[in-house]
PDB file of N, CA and C in Angstrom:
ATOM      1  N   UNK A   1     122.556 143.351  45.418  1.00  0.00           N
ATOM      2  CA  UNK A   1     123.754 142.557  45.195  1.00  0.00           C
ATOM      3  C   UNK A   1     124.891 143.186  46.011  1.00  0.00           C
ATOM      4  N   UNK A   2     125.596 142.404  46.831  1.00  0.00           N
ATOM      5  CA  UNK A   2     126.697 142.961  47.634  1.00  0.00           C
ATOM      6  C   UNK A   2     127.876 143.360  46.757  1.00  0.00           C
ATOM      7  N   UNK A   3     128.573 144.384  47.214  1.00  0.00           N
ATOM      8  CA  UNK A   3     129.752 144.860  46.471  1.00  0.00           C
ATOM      9  C   UNK A   3     130.849 143.813  46.520  1.00  0.00           C
ATOM     10  N   UNK A   4     131.542 143.649  45.405  1.00  0.00           N
ATOM     11  CA  UNK A   4     132.654 142.703  45.350  1.00  0.00           C
ATOM     12  C   UNK A   4     133.872 143.326  45.995  1.00  0.00           C
ATOM     13  N   UNK A   5     134.560 142.555  46.807  1.00  0.00           N
ATOM     14  CA  UNK A   5     135.786 143.032  47.423  1.00  0.00           C
ATOM     15  C   UNK A   5     136.965 142.654  46.540  1.00  0.00           C
ATOM     16  N   UNK A   6     137.921 143.565  46.440  1.00  0.00           N
ATOM     17  CA  UNK A   6     139.137 143.295  45.694  1.00  0.00           C
ATOM     18  C   UNK A   6     140.084 142.529  46.601  1.00  0.00           C
ATOM     19  N   UNK A   7     140.596 141.422  46.126  1.00  0.00           N
ATOM     20  CA  UNK A   7     141.551 140.645  46.900  1.00  0.00           C
ATOM     21  C   UNK A   7     142.935 141.235  46.653  1.00  0.00           C
ATOM     22  N   UNK A   8     143.465 141.953  47.642  1.00  0.00           N
ATOM     23  CA  UNK A   8     144.727 142.681  47.477  1.00  0.00           C
ATOM     24  C   UNK A   8     145.886 141.747  47.172  1.00  0.00           C
ATOM     25  N   UNK A   9     145.856 140.545  47.707  1.00  0.00           N
ATOM     26  CA  UNK A   9     146.931 139.595  47.432  1.00  0.00           C
ATOM     27  C   UNK A   9     146.978 139.287  45.945  1.00  0.00           C
ATOM     28  N   UNK A  10     145.818 139.062  45.346  1.00  0.00           N
ATOM     29  CA  UNK A  10     145.773 138.762  43.912  1.00  0.00           C
ATOM     30  C   UNK A  10     146.210 139.963  43.071  1.00  0.00           C
ATOM     31  N   UNK A  11     145.818 141.157  43.470  1.00  0.00           N
ATOM     32  CA  UNK A  11     146.210 142.359  42.728  1.00  0.00           C
ATOM     33  C   UNK A  11     147.712 142.568  42.827  1.00  0.00           C
ATOM     34  N   UNK A  12     148.265 142.460  44.030  1.00  0.00           N
ATOM     35  CA  UNK A  12     149.708 142.643  44.210  1.00  0.00           C
ATOM     36  C   UNK A  12     150.495 141.613  43.413  1.00  0.00           C
ATOM     37  N   UNK A  13     150.040 140.382  43.431  1.00  0.00           N
ATOM     38  CA  UNK A  13     150.724 139.330  42.664  1.00  0.00           C
ATOM     39  C   UNK A  13     150.624 139.591  41.171  1.00  0.00           C
ATOM     40  N   UNK A  14     149.461 140.070  40.717  1.00  0.00           N
ATOM     41  CA  UNK A  14     149.279 140.361  39.293  1.00  0.00           C
ATOM     42  C   UNK A  14     150.202 141.485  38.851  1.00  0.00           C
ATOM     43  N   UNK A  15     150.334 142.527  39.674  1.00  0.00           N
ATOM     44  CA  UNK A  15     151.226 143.646  39.330  1.00  0.00           C
ATOM     45  C   UNK A  15     152.675 143.173  39.308  1.00  0.00           C
ATOM     46  N   UNK A  16     153.071 142.380  40.300  1.00  0.00           N
ATOM     47  CA  UNK A  16     154.441 141.864  40.333  1.00  0.00           C
ATOM     48  C   UNK A  16     154.738 140.995  39.123  1.00  0.00           C
ATOM     49  N   UNK A  17     153.730 140.282  38.633  1.00  0.00           N
ATOM     50  CA  UNK A  17     153.942 139.389  37.498  1.00  0.00           C
ATOM     51  C   UNK A  17     153.811 140.101  36.156  1.00  0.00           C
ATOM     52  N   UNK A  18     153.581 141.416  36.187  1.00  0.00           N
ATOM     53  CA  UNK A  18     153.579 142.154  34.936  1.00  0.00           C
ATOM     54  C   UNK A  18     152.276 142.847  34.580  1.00  0.00           C
ATOM     55  N   UNK A  19     151.266 142.803  35.440  1.00  0.00           N
ATOM     56  CA  UNK A  19     150.027 143.527  35.165  1.00  0.00           C
ATOM     57  C   UNK A  19     150.330 145.011  35.266  1.00  0.00           C
ATOM     58  N   UNK A  20     150.204 145.693  34.168  1.00  0.00           N
ATOM     59  CA  UNK A  20     150.630 147.090  34.086  1.00  0.00           C
ATOM     60  C   UNK A  20     149.520 148.065  34.451  1.00  0.00           C
ATOM     61  N   UNK A  21     148.270 147.682  34.280  1.00  0.00           N
ATOM     62  CA  UNK A  21     147.139 148.567  34.502  1.00  0.00           C
ATOM     63  C   UNK A  21     146.218 148.034  35.583  1.00  0.00           C
ATOM     64  N   UNK A  22     145.724 148.946  36.415  1.00  0.00           N
ATOM     65  CA  UNK A  22     144.762 148.580  37.461  1.00  0.00           C
ATOM     66  C   UNK A  22     143.592 149.554  37.419  1.00  0.00           C
ATOM     67  N   UNK A  23     142.466 149.134  37.961  1.00  0.00           N
ATOM     68  CA  UNK A  23     141.327 150.029  38.112  1.00  0.00           C
ATOM     69  C   UNK A  23     141.563 150.891  39.341  1.00  0.00           C
ATOM     70  N   UNK A  24     140.722 151.916  39.517  1.00  0.00           N
ATOM     71  CA  UNK A  24     140.837 152.747  40.718  1.00  0.00           C
ATOM     72  C   UNK A  24     140.688 151.895  41.975  1.00  0.00           C
ATOM     73  N   UNK A  25     139.729 150.998  41.959  1.00  0.00           N
ATOM     74  CA  UNK A  25     139.457 150.166  43.137  1.00  0.00           C
ATOM     75  C   UNK A  25     140.665 149.276  43.456  1.00  0.00           C
ATOM     76  N   UNK A  26     141.240 148.653  42.444  1.00  0.00           N
ATOM     77  CA  UNK A  26     142.422 147.817  42.662  1.00  0.00           C
ATOM     78  C   UNK A  26     143.591 148.660  43.143  1.00  0.00           C
ATOM     79  N   UNK A  27     143.753 149.839  42.560  1.00  0.00           N
ATOM     80  CA  UNK A  27     144.864 150.713  42.908  1.00  0.00           C
ATOM     81  C   UNK A  27     144.793 151.215  44.332  1.00  0.00           C
ATOM     82  N   UNK A  28     143.606 151.584  44.795  1.00  0.00           N
ATOM     83  CA  UNK A  28     143.476 152.075  46.173  1.00  0.00           C
ATOM     84  C   UNK A  28     143.860 150.997  47.162  1.00  0.00           C
ATOM     85  N   UNK A  29     143.512 149.753  46.862  1.00  0.00           N
ATOM     86  CA  UNK A  29     143.891 148.638  47.733  1.00  0.00           C
ATOM     87  C   UNK A  29     145.384 148.340  47.632  1.00  0.00           C
ATOM     88  N   UNK A  30     145.894 148.365  46.428  1.00  0.00           N
ATOM     89  CA  UNK A  30     147.302 148.060  46.194  1.00  0.00           C
ATOM     90  C   UNK A  30     148.220 149.054  46.892  1.00  0.00           C
ATOM     91  N   UNK A  31     147.862 150.336  46.853  1.00  0.00           N
ATOM     92  CA  UNK A  31     148.704 151.379  47.433  1.00  0.00           C
ATOM     93  C   UNK A  31     148.253 151.798  48.836  1.00  0.00           C
ATOM     94  N   UNK A  32     147.269 151.110  49.382  1.00  0.00           N
ATOM     95  CA  UNK A  32     146.782 151.348  50.751  1.00  0.00           C
ATOM     96  C   UNK A  32     146.424 152.815  51.001  1.00  0.00           C
ATOM     97  N   UNK A  33     145.550 153.334  50.161  1.00  0.00           N
ATOM     98  CA  UNK A  33     145.080 154.704  50.339  1.00  0.00           C
ATOM     99  C   UNK A  33     143.613 154.769  49.957  1.00  0.00           C
ATOM    100  N   UNK A  34     142.983 155.879  50.277  1.00  0.00           N
ATOM    101  CA  UNK A  34     141.578 156.063  49.946  1.00  0.00           C
ATOM    102  C   UNK A  34     141.355 156.179  48.443  1.00  0.00           C
ATOM    103  N   UNK A  35     140.138 155.891  48.047  1.00  0.00           N
ATOM    104  CA  UNK A  35     139.789 155.920  46.629  1.00  0.00           C
ATOM    105  C   UNK A  35     139.999 157.299  46.015  1.00  0.00           C
ATOM    106  N   UNK A  36     139.506 158.338  46.661  1.00  0.00           N
ATOM    107  CA  UNK A  36     139.628 159.684  46.092  1.00  0.00           C
ATOM    108  C   UNK A  36     141.084 160.159  46.063  1.00  0.00           C
ATOM    109  N   UNK A  37     141.844 159.792  47.066  1.00  0.00           N
ATOM    110  CA  UNK A  37     143.268 160.147  47.074  1.00  0.00           C
ATOM    111  C   UNK A  37     143.981 159.464  45.922  1.00  0.00           C
ATOM    112  N   UNK A  38     143.696 158.171  45.723  1.00  0.00           N
ATOM    113  CA  UNK A  38     144.326 157.444  44.620  1.00  0.00           C
ATOM    114  C   UNK A  38     143.917 158.032  43.272  1.00  0.00           C
ATOM    115  N   UNK A  39     142.637 158.341  43.109  1.00  0.00           N
ATOM    116  CA  UNK A  39     142.161 158.931  41.850  1.00  0.00           C
ATOM    117  C   UNK A  39     142.883 160.240  41.555  1.00  0.00           C
ATOM    118  N   UNK A  40     142.965 161.118  42.559  1.00  0.00           N
ATOM    119  CA  UNK A  40     143.612 162.421  42.358  1.00  0.00           C
ATOM    120  C   UNK A  40     145.093 162.259  42.033  1.00  0.00           C
ATOM    121  N   UNK A  41     145.774 161.393  42.776  1.00  0.00           N
ATOM    122  CA  UNK A  41     147.202 161.203  42.528  1.00  0.00           C
ATOM    123  C   UNK A  41     147.444 160.587  41.155  1.00  0.00           C
ATOM    124  N   UNK A  42     146.607 159.657  40.749  1.00  0.00           N
ATOM    125  CA  UNK A  42     146.750 159.039  39.423  1.00  0.00           C
ATOM    126  C   UNK A  42     146.565 160.075  38.327  1.00  0.00           C
ATOM    127  N   UNK A  43     145.596 160.978  38.517  1.00  0.00           N
ATOM    128  CA  UNK A  43     145.375 162.047  37.538  1.00  0.00           C
ATOM    129  C   UNK A  43     146.557 163.004  37.520  1.00  0.00           C
ATOM    130  N   UNK A  44     147.049 163.377  38.709  1.00  0.00           N
ATOM    131  CA  UNK A  44     148.200 164.268  38.808  1.00  0.00           C
ATOM    132  C   UNK A  44     149.442 163.647  38.162  1.00  0.00           C
ATOM    133  N   UNK A  45     149.556 162.333  38.258  1.00  0.00           N
ATOM    134  CA  UNK A  45     150.704 161.620  37.686  1.00  0.00           C
ATOM    135  C   UNK A  45     150.606 161.502  36.174  1.00  0.00           C
ATOM    136  N   UNK A  46     149.422 161.706  35.630  1.00  0.00           N
ATOM    137  CA  UNK A  46     149.230 161.513  34.188  1.00  0.00           C
ATOM    138  C   UNK A  46     149.208 160.046  33.823  1.00  0.00           C
ATOM    139  N   UNK A  47     148.718 159.218  34.756  1.00  0.00           N
ATOM    140  CA  UNK A  47     148.744 157.763  34.569  1.00  0.00           C
ATOM    141  C   UNK A  47     147.383 157.192  34.192  1.00  0.00           C
ATOM    142  N   UNK A  48     146.437 158.051  33.796  1.00  0.00           N
ATOM    143  CA  UNK A  48     145.061 157.641  33.511  1.00  0.00           C
ATOM    144  C   UNK A  48     144.880 157.308  32.036  1.00  0.00           C
ATOM    145  N   UNK A  49     144.197 156.202  31.788  1.00  0.00           N
ATOM    146  CA  UNK A  49     143.837 155.792  30.433  1.00  0.00           C
ATOM    147  C   UNK A  49     142.336 155.558  30.400  1.00  0.00           C
ATOM    148  N   UNK A  50     141.631 156.221  29.481  1.00  0.00           N
ATOM    149  CA  UNK A  50     140.194 156.029  29.309  1.00  0.00           C
ATOM    150  C   UNK A  50     139.977 155.110  28.118  1.00  0.00           C
ATOM    151  N   UNK A  51     139.341 153.980  28.389  1.00  0.00           N
ATOM    152  CA  UNK A  51     139.033 153.018  27.334  1.00  0.00           C
ATOM    153  C   UNK A  51     137.534 152.773  27.394  1.00  0.00           C
ATOM    154  N   UNK A  52     136.830 153.381  26.458  1.00  0.00           N
ATOM    155  CA  UNK A  52     135.370 153.412  26.462  1.00  0.00           C
ATOM    156  C   UNK A  52     134.898 153.949  27.800  1.00  0.00           C
ATOM    157  N   UNK A  53     134.209 153.149  28.604  1.00  0.00           N
ATOM    158  CA  UNK A  53     133.698 153.631  29.890  1.00  0.00           C
ATOM    159  C   UNK A  53     134.569 153.169  31.050  1.00  0.00           C
ATOM    160  N   UNK A  54     135.703 152.597  30.751  1.00  0.00           N
ATOM    161  CA  UNK A  54     136.606 152.058  31.764  1.00  0.00           C
ATOM    162  C   UNK A  54     137.779 153.004  31.966  1.00  0.00           C
ATOM    163  N   UNK A  55     138.211 153.188  33.204  1.00  0.00           N
ATOM    164  CA  UNK A  55     139.391 153.992  33.507  1.00  0.00           C
ATOM    165  C   UNK A  55     140.435 153.069  34.102  1.00  0.00           C
ATOM    166  N   UNK A  56     141.628 153.092  33.531  1.00  0.00           N
ATOM    167  CA  UNK A  56     142.737 152.277  34.024  1.00  0.00           C
ATOM    168  C   UNK A  56     143.898 153.180  34.399  1.00  0.00           C
ATOM    169  N   UNK A  57     144.681 152.729  35.370  1.00  0.00           N
ATOM    170  CA  UNK A  57     145.838 153.483  35.839  1.00  0.00           C
ATOM    171  C   UNK A  57     147.088 152.677  35.525  1.00  0.00           C
ATOM    172  N   UNK A  58     148.051 153.326  34.899  1.00  0.00           N
ATOM    173  CA  UNK A  58     149.325 152.697  34.578  1.00  0.00           C
ATOM    174  C   UNK A  58     150.171 152.687  35.854  1.00  0.00           C
ATOM    175  N   UNK A  59     150.454 151.493  36.379  1.00  0.00           N
ATOM    176  CA  UNK A  59     151.179 151.377  37.642  1.00  0.00           C
ATOM    177  C   UNK A  59     152.632 151.827  37.521  1.00  0.00           C
ATOM    178  N   UNK A  60     153.224 151.693  36.350  1.00  0.00           N
ATOM    179  CA  UNK A  60     154.616 152.110  36.176  1.00  0.00           C
ATOM    180  C   UNK A  60     154.739 153.629  36.287  1.00  0.00           C
ATOM    181  N   UNK A  61     153.833 154.346  35.649  1.00  0.00           N
ATOM    182  CA  UNK A  61     153.840 155.814  35.718  1.00  0.00           C
ATOM    183  C   UNK A  61     153.509 156.262  37.138  1.00  0.00           C
ATOM    184  N   UNK A  62     152.521 155.598  37.756  1.00  0.00           N
ATOM    185  CA  UNK A  62     152.131 155.952  39.116  1.00  0.00           C
ATOM    186  C   UNK A  62     153.283 155.715  40.088  1.00  0.00           C
ATOM    187  N   UNK A  63     154.001 154.612  39.950  1.00  0.00           N
ATOM    188  CA  UNK A  63     155.147 154.323  40.821  1.00  0.00           C
ATOM    189  C   UNK A  63     156.229 155.395  40.688  1.00  0.00           C
ATOM    190  N   UNK A  64     156.508 155.820  39.464  1.00  0.00           N
ATOM    191  CA  UNK A  64     157.516 156.853  39.240  1.00  0.00           C
ATOM    192  C   UNK A  64     157.081 158.171  39.888  1.00  0.00           C
ATOM    193  N   UNK A  65     155.792 158.482  39.790  1.00  0.00           N
ATOM    194  CA  UNK A  65     155.255 159.683  40.418  1.00  0.00           C
ATOM    195  C   UNK A  65     155.374 159.601  41.936  1.00  0.00           C
ATOM    196  N   UNK A  66     155.122 158.434  42.495  1.00  0.00           N
ATOM    197  CA  UNK A  66     155.201 158.236  43.946  1.00  0.00           C
ATOM    198  C   UNK A  66     156.612 158.486  44.469  1.00  0.00           C
ATOM    199  N   UNK A  67     157.613 158.236  43.662  1.00  0.00           N
ATOM    200  CA  UNK A  67     159.002 158.456  44.084  1.00  0.00           C
ATOM    201  C   UNK A  67     159.263 159.926  44.411  1.00  0.00           C
ATOM    202  N   UNK A  68     158.467 160.833  43.863  1.00  0.00           N
ATOM    203  CA  UNK A  68     158.602 162.259  44.172  1.00  0.00           C
ATOM    204  C   UNK A  68     158.272 162.578  45.625  1.00  0.00           C
ATOM    205  N   UNK A  69     157.577 161.667  46.290  1.00  0.00           N
ATOM    206  CA  UNK A  69     157.158 161.889  47.664  1.00  0.00           C
ATOM    207  C   UNK A  69     158.086 161.211  48.676  1.00  0.00           C
ATOM    208  N   UNK A  70     159.140 160.609  48.202  1.00  0.00           N
ATOM    209  CA  UNK A  70     160.058 159.900  49.083  1.00  0.00           C
ATOM    210  C   UNK A  70     160.757 160.901  49.997  1.00  0.00           C
ATOM    211  N   UNK A  71     160.835 160.556  51.271  1.00  0.00           N
ATOM    212  CA  UNK A  71     161.499 161.397  52.260  1.00  0.00           C
ATOM    213  C   UNK A  71     162.956 160.963  52.338  1.00  0.00           C
ATOM    214  N   UNK A  72     163.837 161.699  51.658  1.00  0.00           N
ATOM    215  CA  UNK A  72     165.252 161.339  51.594  1.00  0.00           C
ATOM    216  C   UNK A  72     165.949 161.467  52.949  1.00  0.00           C
ATOM    217  N   UNK A  73     165.371 162.231  53.869  1.00  0.00           N
ATOM    218  CA  UNK A  73     165.972 162.441  55.184  1.00  0.00           C
ATOM    219  C   UNK A  73     165.611 161.349  56.177  1.00  0.00           C
ATOM    220  N   UNK A  74     164.655 160.505  55.823  1.00  0.00           N
ATOM    221  CA  UNK A  74     164.206 159.460  56.742  1.00  0.00           C
ATOM    222  C   UNK A  74     165.125 158.243  56.632  1.00  0.00           C
ATOM    223  N   UNK A  75     165.611 157.758  57.739  1.00  0.00           N
ATOM    224  CA  UNK A  75     166.384 156.515  57.762  1.00  0.00           C
ATOM    225  C   UNK A  75     165.770 155.605  58.806  1.00  0.00           C
ATOM    226  N   UNK A  76     165.762 154.343  58.521  1.00  0.00           N
ATOM    227  CA  UNK A  76     165.152 153.405  59.468  1.00  0.00           C
ATOM    228  C   UNK A  76     166.146 152.798  60.406  1.00  0.00           C
TER     229      UNK A  76
END
């Protein structure tokens, strides 16, 4: 069975409309980074929720954590 691809447009729209939790796969696509990088950063952010065998990432906590990496000296 071929692997299902995550449609990033649908994930981004869902998050904008209030979807608070994403899977690792959705999150890596949403934030345009590798799976292992997203997993590690989500764990470092404390944004992980284990529900039975499912792992979800709280996008609000992850977004706040990402702000720590903002380059204040960069101007466009």
